[in-house]
Amino acid sequence: MPVQDVHAGREAFQRDLQLVLKDNTLTDKGWCQPDDLTLLVPMMAENVQQGQVDLYLLRLVFDHYPKGPPSAQFINPVTMNYVFPDDVRWVPSCEGLPDIHFHTNYGGSSGQVVCSSSTLEFYKVNHDVKPEHVWDPERMNFLTTLSAIRRALASTNYRGRSTQ
């Protein structure tokens, strides 16, 4: 489990954000940075079976970054929080993916967990992970996290909004 280091997280996040943005702005990407440790990223997913597109808001927090991945949580876009069970509809449902799962209330008491080795919560709940998937700050940044979540939302395993 990486140790929290707000100062290092702030510096690494700003550095990596500039590398990712290149000549773009946050507005160009549709992202929002409410404070110096948080990034809000809208994400869309198409439920092919139901013929509908769902919009989600992902909050990344960088207080353990870069030694650990960012915290990742889907939040209610009105309240900007996640409260179980009221906000489960703001969490996507994907079934049968080997490397990521979205839990609305992991284990009945841990709260929401985006279960992927590219998120901080994965390590907080002490998941086993193959060595090749362990977070490596030398070769990974927050785009690793966003890419893992986007792949899940773009897969045929996406089932729509969570209901439980």
Protein backbone atom coordinates (compact mmCIF):
# COMPACT_ATOMS: atom_id res chain seq x y z
CA MET A 1 0.00 0.00 0.00
CA PRO A 2 1.56 3.31 -1.05
CA VAL A 3 2.00 5.97 1.61
CA GLN A 4 0.06 9.22 1.30
CA ASP A 5 2.27 12.13 0.22
CA VAL A 6 0.17 15.16 -0.69
CA HIS A 7 3.14 17.31 -1.72
CA ALA A 8 4.61 14.66 -4.06
CA GLY A 9 1.13 13.88 -5.38
CA ARG A 10 0.45 17.52 -6.20
CA GLU A 11 3.76 17.94 -8.03
CA ALA A 12 3.55 14.66 -9.96
CA PHE A 13 -0.08 15.26 -10.92
CA GLN A 14 0.68 18.74 -12.27
CA ARG A 15 3.69 17.43 -14.20
CA ASP A 16 1.79 14.50 -15.71
CA LEU A 17 -1.28 16.62 -16.41
CA GLN A 18 0.82 19.01 -18.50
CA LEU A 19 2.38 16.08 -20.37
CA VAL A 20 -1.04 14.61 -21.09
CA LEU A 21 -2.63 17.92 -22.11
CA LYS A 22 0.26 18.91 -24.41
CA ASP A 23 -1.15 21.93 -26.26
CA ASN A 24 -4.71 21.33 -25.06
CA THR A 25 -6.52 22.77 -22.06
CA LEU A 26 -8.67 21.06 -19.45
CA THR A 27 -11.69 22.53 -21.23
CA ASP A 28 -10.56 21.00 -24.54
CA LYS A 29 -10.57 17.58 -22.87
CA GLY A 30 -13.84 18.24 -21.04
CA TRP A 31 -12.05 17.77 -17.73
CA CYS A 32 -12.24 19.90 -14.59
CA GLN A 33 -9.69 20.40 -11.83
CA PRO A 34 -11.57 21.61 -8.72
CA ASP A 35 -8.39 21.62 -6.62
CA ASP A 36 -4.71 20.79 -7.03
CA LEU A 37 -5.16 17.08 -6.17
CA THR A 38 -8.41 16.28 -7.99
CA LEU A 39 -9.42 15.71 -11.60
CA LEU A 40 -13.02 15.25 -12.75
CA VAL A 41 -13.41 13.30 -15.98
CA PRO A 42 -16.75 12.76 -17.74
CA MET A 43 -17.01 9.32 -19.31
CA MET A 44 -19.58 7.88 -21.69
CA ALA A 45 -20.57 4.28 -22.20
CA GLU A 46 -22.89 2.79 -24.77
CA ASN A 47 -25.19 0.00 -23.74
CA VAL A 48 -25.60 -1.69 -27.11
CA GLN A 49 -28.26 -4.09 -25.81
CA GLN A 50 -30.49 -1.22 -24.69
CA GLY A 51 -29.43 1.22 -27.39
CA GLN A 52 -28.59 3.97 -24.93
CA VAL A 53 -25.58 6.05 -23.97
CA ASP A 54 -24.86 6.67 -20.29
CA LEU A 55 -22.79 9.55 -18.93
CA TYR A 56 -20.68 9.16 -15.79
CA LEU A 57 -18.42 11.45 -13.80
CA LEU A 58 -15.15 9.97 -12.55
CA ARG A 59 -13.20 11.66 -9.76
CA LEU A 60 -9.47 10.98 -9.54
CA VAL A 61 -7.58 12.03 -6.40
CA PHE A 62 -3.79 12.14 -6.42
CA ASP A 63 -2.80 12.15 -2.72
CA HIS A 64 -0.82 8.85 -2.99
CA TYR A 65 0.47 9.58 -6.50
CA PRO A 66 2.89 8.83 -8.20
CA LYS A 67 4.08 5.94 -6.00
CA GLY A 68 0.52 4.69 -6.05
CA PRO A 69 -2.22 5.09 -8.63
CA PRO A 70 -4.86 7.77 -8.23
CA SER A 71 -7.97 7.07 -6.23
CA ALA A 72 -10.88 6.55 -8.64
CA GLN A 73 -14.54 6.90 -7.81
CA PHE A 74 -17.67 7.51 -9.85
CA ILE A 75 -19.67 10.32 -8.30
CA ASN A 76 -23.13 11.83 -8.49
CA PRO A 77 -22.69 14.82 -10.85
CA VAL A 78 -25.18 16.92 -8.87
CA THR A 79 -23.87 16.38 -5.33
CA MET A 80 -20.26 15.68 -6.42
CA ASN A 81 -20.16 12.82 -3.88
CA TYR A 82 -20.92 9.13 -3.70
CA VAL A 83 -23.24 7.83 -0.99
CA PHE A 84 -24.27 4.19 -0.91
CA PRO A 85 -27.01 3.17 -1.70
CA ASP A 86 -28.41 6.49 -2.95
CA ASP A 87 -25.87 6.95 -5.74
CA VAL A 88 -25.39 3.42 -7.11
CA ARG A 89 -26.92 4.50 -10.43
CA TRP A 90 -23.86 6.70 -11.02
CA VAL A 91 -21.59 3.61 -11.09
CA PRO A 92 -21.33 1.56 -14.30
CA SER A 93 -22.04 -2.15 -14.38
CA CYS A 94 -19.69 -4.43 -16.31
CA GLU A 95 -19.71 -8.20 -16.04
CA GLY A 96 -17.10 -10.80 -16.81
CA LEU A 97 -14.03 -8.62 -17.33
CA PRO A 98 -10.86 -10.24 -15.99
CA ASP A 99 -8.98 -7.09 -14.97
CA ILE A 100 -11.60 -4.60 -13.76
CA HIS A 101 -14.88 -4.56 -11.89
CA PHE A 102 -17.01 -1.75 -10.48
CA HIS A 103 -18.27 -2.39 -6.93
CA THR A 104 -20.93 -0.08 -5.52
CA ASN A 105 -20.15 -1.24 -1.96
CA TYR A 106 -17.20 -3.62 -1.86
CA GLY A 107 -17.64 -6.35 0.73
CA GLY A 108 -20.67 -4.59 2.15
CA SER A 109 -18.63 -2.05 4.08
CA SER A 110 -15.70 -0.71 2.08
CA GLY A 111 -17.71 1.64 -0.12
CA GLN A 112 -17.27 2.00 -3.84
CA VAL A 113 -14.23 0.32 -5.37
CA VAL A 114 -13.12 0.52 -8.97
CA CYS A 115 -11.40 -2.83 -8.76
CA SER A 116 -8.36 -2.48 -11.01
CA SER A 117 -4.66 -2.52 -10.23
CA SER A 118 -4.59 0.99 -11.74
CA THR A 119 -6.63 2.46 -8.84
CA LEU A 120 -5.62 3.17 -5.25
CA GLU A 121 -8.67 1.44 -3.76
CA PHE A 122 -7.54 -1.87 -5.28
CA TYR A 123 -4.51 -1.79 -2.98
CA LYS A 124 -6.48 -0.51 0.01
CA VAL A 125 -8.63 -3.65 0.00
CA ASN A 126 -5.50 -5.84 -0.30
CA HIS A 127 -6.15 -7.56 -3.60
CA ASP A 128 -3.75 -10.09 -5.00
CA VAL A 129 -2.12 -8.84 -8.17
CA LYS A 130 0.22 -10.39 -10.67
CA PRO A 131 3.66 -8.73 -10.65
CA GLU A 132 3.25 -7.44 -14.21
CA HIS A 133 0.09 -5.55 -13.19
CA VAL A 134 1.43 -3.87 -10.03
CA TRP A 135 1.42 -0.07 -10.27
CA ASP A 136 4.84 1.09 -11.52
CA PRO A 137 5.37 4.89 -11.45
CA GLU A 138 8.30 4.52 -13.84
CA ARG A 139 6.04 3.32 -16.66
CA MET A 140 2.52 4.31 -15.58
CA ASN A 141 0.62 7.52 -14.95
CA PHE A 142 -3.02 8.47 -14.51
CA LEU A 143 -3.69 7.73 -18.20
CA THR A 144 -3.19 4.08 -17.26
CA THR A 145 -6.14 4.43 -14.88
CA LEU A 146 -8.31 6.27 -17.41
CA SER A 147 -7.47 3.76 -20.14
CA ALA A 148 -8.42 0.76 -17.99
CA ILE A 149 -11.78 2.31 -17.13
CA ARG A 150 -12.45 3.43 -20.71
CA ARG A 151 -11.73 -0.07 -22.03
CA ALA A 152 -14.30 -1.50 -19.62
CA LEU A 153 -16.92 1.08 -20.56
CA ALA A 154 -16.31 0.45 -24.28
CA SER A 155 -16.53 -3.33 -23.97
CA THR A 156 -19.49 -5.51 -24.83
CA ASN A 157 -19.50 -6.42 -21.12
CA TYR A 158 -20.93 -3.00 -20.23
CA ARG A 159 -24.47 -3.52 -18.90
CA GLY A 160 -25.59 0.02 -18.07
CA ARG A 161 -26.00 1.70 -14.73
CA SER A 162 -25.65 -0.25 -11.50
CA THR A 163 -28.83 -1.03 -9.63
CA GLN A 164 -27.44 -2.46 -6.40
